[in-house]
N, C-alpha and C. Protein backbone atom coordinates (compact mmCIF):
# COMPACT_ATOMS: atom_id res chain seq x y z
N UNK A 1 64.07 -9.79 27.30
CA UNK A 1 65.30 -10.46 27.23
C UNK A 1 65.36 -11.77 27.69
N UNK A 2 65.90 -12.86 26.82
CA UNK A 2 65.87 -14.26 27.09
C UNK A 2 66.62 -14.52 28.45
N UNK A 3 66.14 -15.48 29.20
CA UNK A 3 66.87 -15.84 30.49
C UNK A 3 68.04 -16.74 30.10
N UNK A 4 69.18 -16.53 30.78
CA UNK A 4 70.27 -17.37 30.45
C UNK A 4 70.20 -18.68 31.22
N UNK A 5 70.43 -19.80 30.62
CA UNK A 5 70.38 -21.13 31.23
C UNK A 5 71.63 -21.57 31.76
N UNK A 6 72.73 -20.96 31.36
CA UNK A 6 74.07 -21.46 31.83
C UNK A 6 74.57 -22.70 31.15
N UNK A 7 73.81 -23.10 30.00
CA UNK A 7 74.29 -24.16 29.31
C UNK A 7 74.89 -23.77 27.97
N UNK A 8 75.84 -24.63 27.56
CA UNK A 8 76.47 -24.34 26.28
C UNK A 8 76.67 -25.52 25.46
N UNK A 9 76.93 -25.45 24.26
CA UNK A 9 77.00 -26.71 23.32
C UNK A 9 78.29 -26.61 22.45
N UNK A 10 79.05 -27.57 22.46
CA UNK A 10 80.28 -27.68 21.70
C UNK A 10 80.07 -28.39 20.41
N UNK A 11 80.50 -27.97 19.25
CA UNK A 11 80.44 -28.58 18.08
C UNK A 11 81.49 -29.84 18.07
N UNK A 12 81.28 -30.75 17.28
CA UNK A 12 82.31 -31.89 17.23
C UNK A 12 83.67 -31.42 16.96
N UNK A 13 83.79 -30.42 16.09
CA UNK A 13 85.14 -29.83 15.94
C UNK A 13 85.86 -29.14 17.10
N UNK A 14 85.00 -28.36 17.79
CA UNK A 14 85.49 -27.77 19.11
C UNK A 14 85.78 -28.84 20.02
N UNK A 15 85.00 -29.88 20.19
CA UNK A 15 85.25 -30.93 21.14
C UNK A 15 86.60 -31.62 20.77
N UNK A 16 86.75 -31.99 19.50
CA UNK A 16 87.87 -32.63 19.09
C UNK A 16 89.22 -31.81 19.33
N UNK A 17 89.11 -30.49 19.29
CA UNK A 17 90.17 -29.63 19.52
C UNK A 17 90.76 -29.72 20.99
N UNK A 18 89.88 -30.03 21.97
CA UNK A 18 90.11 -30.25 23.42
C UNK A 18 90.90 -31.42 23.64
N UNK A 19 90.70 -32.44 22.90
CA UNK A 19 91.33 -33.87 23.06
C UNK A 19 92.85 -33.77 22.80
N UNK A 20 93.72 -34.44 23.54
CA UNK A 20 95.03 -34.57 23.19
C UNK A 20 95.32 -35.32 21.89
N UNK A 21 96.23 -34.90 21.17
CA UNK A 21 96.59 -35.53 19.80
C UNK A 21 97.33 -36.80 20.09
N UNK A 22 97.00 -37.89 19.40
CA UNK A 22 97.75 -39.21 19.49
C UNK A 22 98.72 -39.25 18.39
N UNK A 23 99.93 -39.65 18.64
CA UNK A 23 100.95 -39.83 17.58
C UNK A 23 100.51 -40.79 16.65
N UNK A 24 100.86 -40.66 15.26
CA UNK A 24 100.44 -41.61 14.31
C UNK A 24 101.18 -42.91 14.45
N UNK A 25 102.33 -42.90 15.10
CA UNK A 25 103.14 -44.14 15.32
C UNK A 25 102.92 -44.89 16.49
N UNK A 26 101.82 -44.44 17.33
CA UNK A 26 101.53 -45.08 18.60
C UNK A 26 100.87 -46.37 18.56
N UNK A 27 101.00 -47.27 19.58
CA UNK A 27 100.56 -48.55 19.60
C UNK A 27 99.41 -48.59 20.78
N UNK A 28 98.50 -49.41 20.69
CA UNK A 28 97.54 -49.40 21.68
C UNK A 28 98.01 -49.71 23.05
N UNK A 29 99.14 -50.24 23.21
CA UNK A 29 99.93 -50.38 24.53
C UNK A 29 100.34 -49.19 25.10
N UNK A 30 100.37 -48.07 24.32
CA UNK A 30 100.84 -46.70 24.71
C UNK A 30 99.69 -45.99 25.55
N UNK A 31 98.59 -46.52 25.52
CA UNK A 31 97.40 -45.72 26.06
C UNK A 31 96.84 -46.36 27.26
N UNK A 32 97.65 -47.13 28.06
CA UNK A 32 97.15 -47.75 29.27
C UNK A 32 96.23 -48.89 29.14
N UNK A 33 95.99 -49.48 30.27
CA UNK A 33 95.04 -50.63 30.18
C UNK A 33 94.04 -50.61 31.36
N UNK A 34 92.98 -51.34 31.18
CA UNK A 34 91.90 -51.43 32.13
C UNK A 34 91.49 -52.73 32.35
N UNK A 35 91.15 -53.09 33.74
CA UNK A 35 90.72 -54.38 34.04
C UNK A 35 89.34 -54.30 34.62
N UNK A 36 88.39 -54.97 34.01
CA UNK A 36 87.06 -55.04 34.42
C UNK A 36 86.83 -56.39 35.02
N UNK A 37 86.26 -56.52 36.24
CA UNK A 37 85.94 -57.89 36.83
C UNK A 37 84.53 -57.93 37.05
N UNK A 38 83.97 -58.81 36.34
CA UNK A 38 82.35 -58.85 36.43
C UNK A 38 82.12 -60.38 36.32
N UNK A 39 81.15 -60.89 37.16
CA UNK A 39 80.93 -62.29 37.21
C UNK A 39 79.53 -62.73 37.46
N UNK A 40 78.55 -62.06 36.89
CA UNK A 40 77.07 -62.53 37.24
C UNK A 40 76.48 -62.87 35.86
N UNK A 41 75.99 -64.13 35.77
CA UNK A 41 75.19 -64.47 34.58
C UNK A 41 73.90 -63.79 34.41
N UNK A 42 73.35 -63.22 35.54
CA UNK A 42 72.09 -62.47 35.68
C UNK A 42 72.36 -61.07 35.01
N UNK A 43 73.48 -60.52 35.21
CA UNK A 43 73.81 -59.07 34.80
C UNK A 43 74.92 -59.03 33.74
N UNK A 44 74.94 -59.82 32.79
CA UNK A 44 75.90 -59.92 31.68
C UNK A 44 75.96 -58.55 31.00
N UNK A 45 74.76 -57.94 30.80
CA UNK A 45 74.78 -56.61 30.21
C UNK A 45 75.62 -55.56 30.84
N UNK A 46 75.72 -55.69 32.16
CA UNK A 46 76.47 -54.69 32.89
C UNK A 46 77.95 -54.76 32.53
N UNK A 47 78.45 -55.97 32.42
CA UNK A 47 79.84 -56.20 31.94
C UNK A 47 80.10 -55.71 30.64
N UNK A 48 79.08 -56.03 29.64
CA UNK A 48 79.24 -55.57 28.28
C UNK A 48 79.24 -54.09 28.14
N UNK A 49 78.37 -53.44 28.93
CA UNK A 49 78.32 -51.98 28.91
C UNK A 49 79.49 -51.38 29.38
N UNK A 50 80.03 -51.90 30.47
CA UNK A 50 81.29 -51.38 31.05
C UNK A 50 82.51 -51.58 30.10
N UNK A 51 82.49 -52.70 29.43
CA UNK A 51 83.52 -52.92 28.51
C UNK A 51 83.49 -51.89 27.31
N UNK A 52 82.35 -51.81 26.84
CA UNK A 52 82.10 -50.89 25.69
C UNK A 52 82.45 -49.39 26.10
N UNK A 53 82.12 -48.97 27.23
CA UNK A 53 82.49 -47.64 27.76
C UNK A 53 84.00 -47.57 27.82
N UNK A 54 84.69 -48.71 28.29
CA UNK A 54 86.13 -48.66 28.43
C UNK A 54 86.79 -48.55 27.10
N UNK A 55 86.35 -49.24 26.13
CA UNK A 55 86.79 -49.15 24.82
C UNK A 55 86.67 -47.85 24.14
N UNK A 56 85.62 -47.25 24.38
CA UNK A 56 85.20 -45.91 23.77
C UNK A 56 86.03 -44.78 24.46
N UNK A 57 86.50 -44.95 25.72
CA UNK A 57 87.05 -43.92 26.45
C UNK A 57 88.41 -43.69 25.94
N UNK A 58 89.06 -44.64 25.09
CA UNK A 58 90.48 -44.39 24.61
C UNK A 58 91.45 -45.19 25.21
N UNK A 59 91.01 -45.98 26.28
CA UNK A 59 92.23 -46.95 26.84
C UNK A 59 92.75 -47.80 25.83
N UNK A 60 93.97 -48.05 25.91
CA UNK A 60 94.62 -48.97 24.96
C UNK A 60 94.09 -50.44 24.94
N UNK A 61 94.26 -51.10 26.11
CA UNK A 61 93.95 -52.51 26.25
C UNK A 61 92.95 -52.55 27.38
N UNK A 62 91.82 -53.34 27.07
CA UNK A 62 90.75 -53.66 27.92
C UNK A 62 90.72 -55.09 28.29
N UNK A 63 91.00 -55.46 29.61
CA UNK A 63 90.89 -56.88 30.09
C UNK A 63 89.58 -57.04 30.68
N UNK A 64 88.81 -58.10 30.47
CA UNK A 64 87.65 -58.38 31.10
C UNK A 64 87.69 -59.79 31.80
N UNK A 65 87.50 -59.86 33.00
CA UNK A 65 87.66 -61.01 33.76
C UNK A 65 86.13 -61.45 34.21
N UNK A 66 85.80 -62.65 33.84
CA UNK A 66 84.37 -63.00 34.14
C UNK A 66 84.09 -64.47 34.06
N UNK A 67 82.82 -64.82 34.25
CA UNK A 67 82.47 -66.24 34.22
C UNK A 67 82.36 -66.71 32.77
N UNK A 68 82.65 -68.01 32.67
CA UNK A 68 82.80 -68.67 31.33
C UNK A 68 81.41 -68.82 30.78
N UNK A 69 80.37 -68.80 31.57
CA UNK A 69 79.01 -69.01 30.93
C UNK A 69 78.68 -67.96 29.94
N UNK A 70 79.28 -66.76 29.94
CA UNK A 70 78.87 -65.82 28.79
C UNK A 70 80.06 -65.38 28.09
N UNK A 71 81.07 -66.15 27.95
CA UNK A 71 82.32 -65.85 27.33
C UNK A 71 82.00 -65.62 25.78
N UNK A 72 81.30 -66.51 25.13
CA UNK A 72 80.95 -66.39 23.68
C UNK A 72 80.21 -65.10 23.33
N UNK A 73 79.27 -64.66 24.22
CA UNK A 73 78.60 -63.36 23.82
C UNK A 73 79.66 -62.17 23.99
N UNK A 74 80.53 -62.24 24.90
CA UNK A 74 81.37 -61.19 25.06
C UNK A 74 82.34 -61.14 23.87
N UNK A 75 82.83 -62.23 23.47
CA UNK A 75 83.89 -62.22 22.44
C UNK A 75 83.21 -61.77 21.09
N UNK A 76 82.03 -62.37 20.97
CA UNK A 76 81.14 -61.88 19.79
C UNK A 76 80.84 -60.45 19.71
N UNK A 77 80.59 -59.84 20.83
CA UNK A 77 80.18 -58.39 20.82
C UNK A 77 81.58 -57.59 20.70
N UNK A 78 82.59 -57.97 21.31
CA UNK A 78 83.80 -57.12 21.37
C UNK A 78 85.03 -57.95 21.18
N UNK A 79 85.32 -58.34 20.02
CA UNK A 79 86.51 -59.17 19.74
C UNK A 79 87.87 -58.46 20.26
N UNK A 80 87.88 -57.19 20.36
CA UNK A 80 89.00 -56.56 20.68
C UNK A 80 89.39 -56.63 22.26
N UNK A 81 88.44 -57.20 23.08
CA UNK A 81 88.62 -57.30 24.47
C UNK A 81 89.73 -58.50 24.67
N UNK A 82 90.42 -58.42 25.76
CA UNK A 82 91.23 -59.52 26.32
C UNK A 82 90.40 -60.15 27.33
N UNK A 83 90.15 -61.36 27.16
CA UNK A 83 89.26 -62.09 28.11
C UNK A 83 89.97 -63.08 29.04
N UNK A 84 89.65 -62.96 30.29
CA UNK A 84 90.20 -63.84 31.28
C UNK A 84 89.17 -64.53 32.01
N UNK A 85 89.12 -65.75 32.11
CA UNK A 85 88.02 -66.51 32.76
C UNK A 85 88.28 -66.63 34.33
N UNK A 86 87.13 -66.40 34.85
CA UNK A 86 87.08 -66.63 36.40
C UNK A 86 86.57 -67.94 36.72
N UNK A 87 87.16 -68.53 37.62
CA UNK A 87 86.72 -69.86 38.04
C UNK A 87 85.80 -69.71 39.21
């Protein structure tokens, strides 16, 4: 008899059924906002990964506040972000 591992797997259809339904007439402002404050030129990837995760989580508006030295990379990678410059 095979040993039970205690793990299970959901299909994409089963997973989708667990998520709340979004109204068709909803606006991105209806789904909250997130502020990410990141400011290191050495660790720009951390800010980008965090922003990507926030966008994929379903939050409506993602604000990223950071150093101007990597503004162009952020805007290029995620034009849907709202960017605020830290001085």
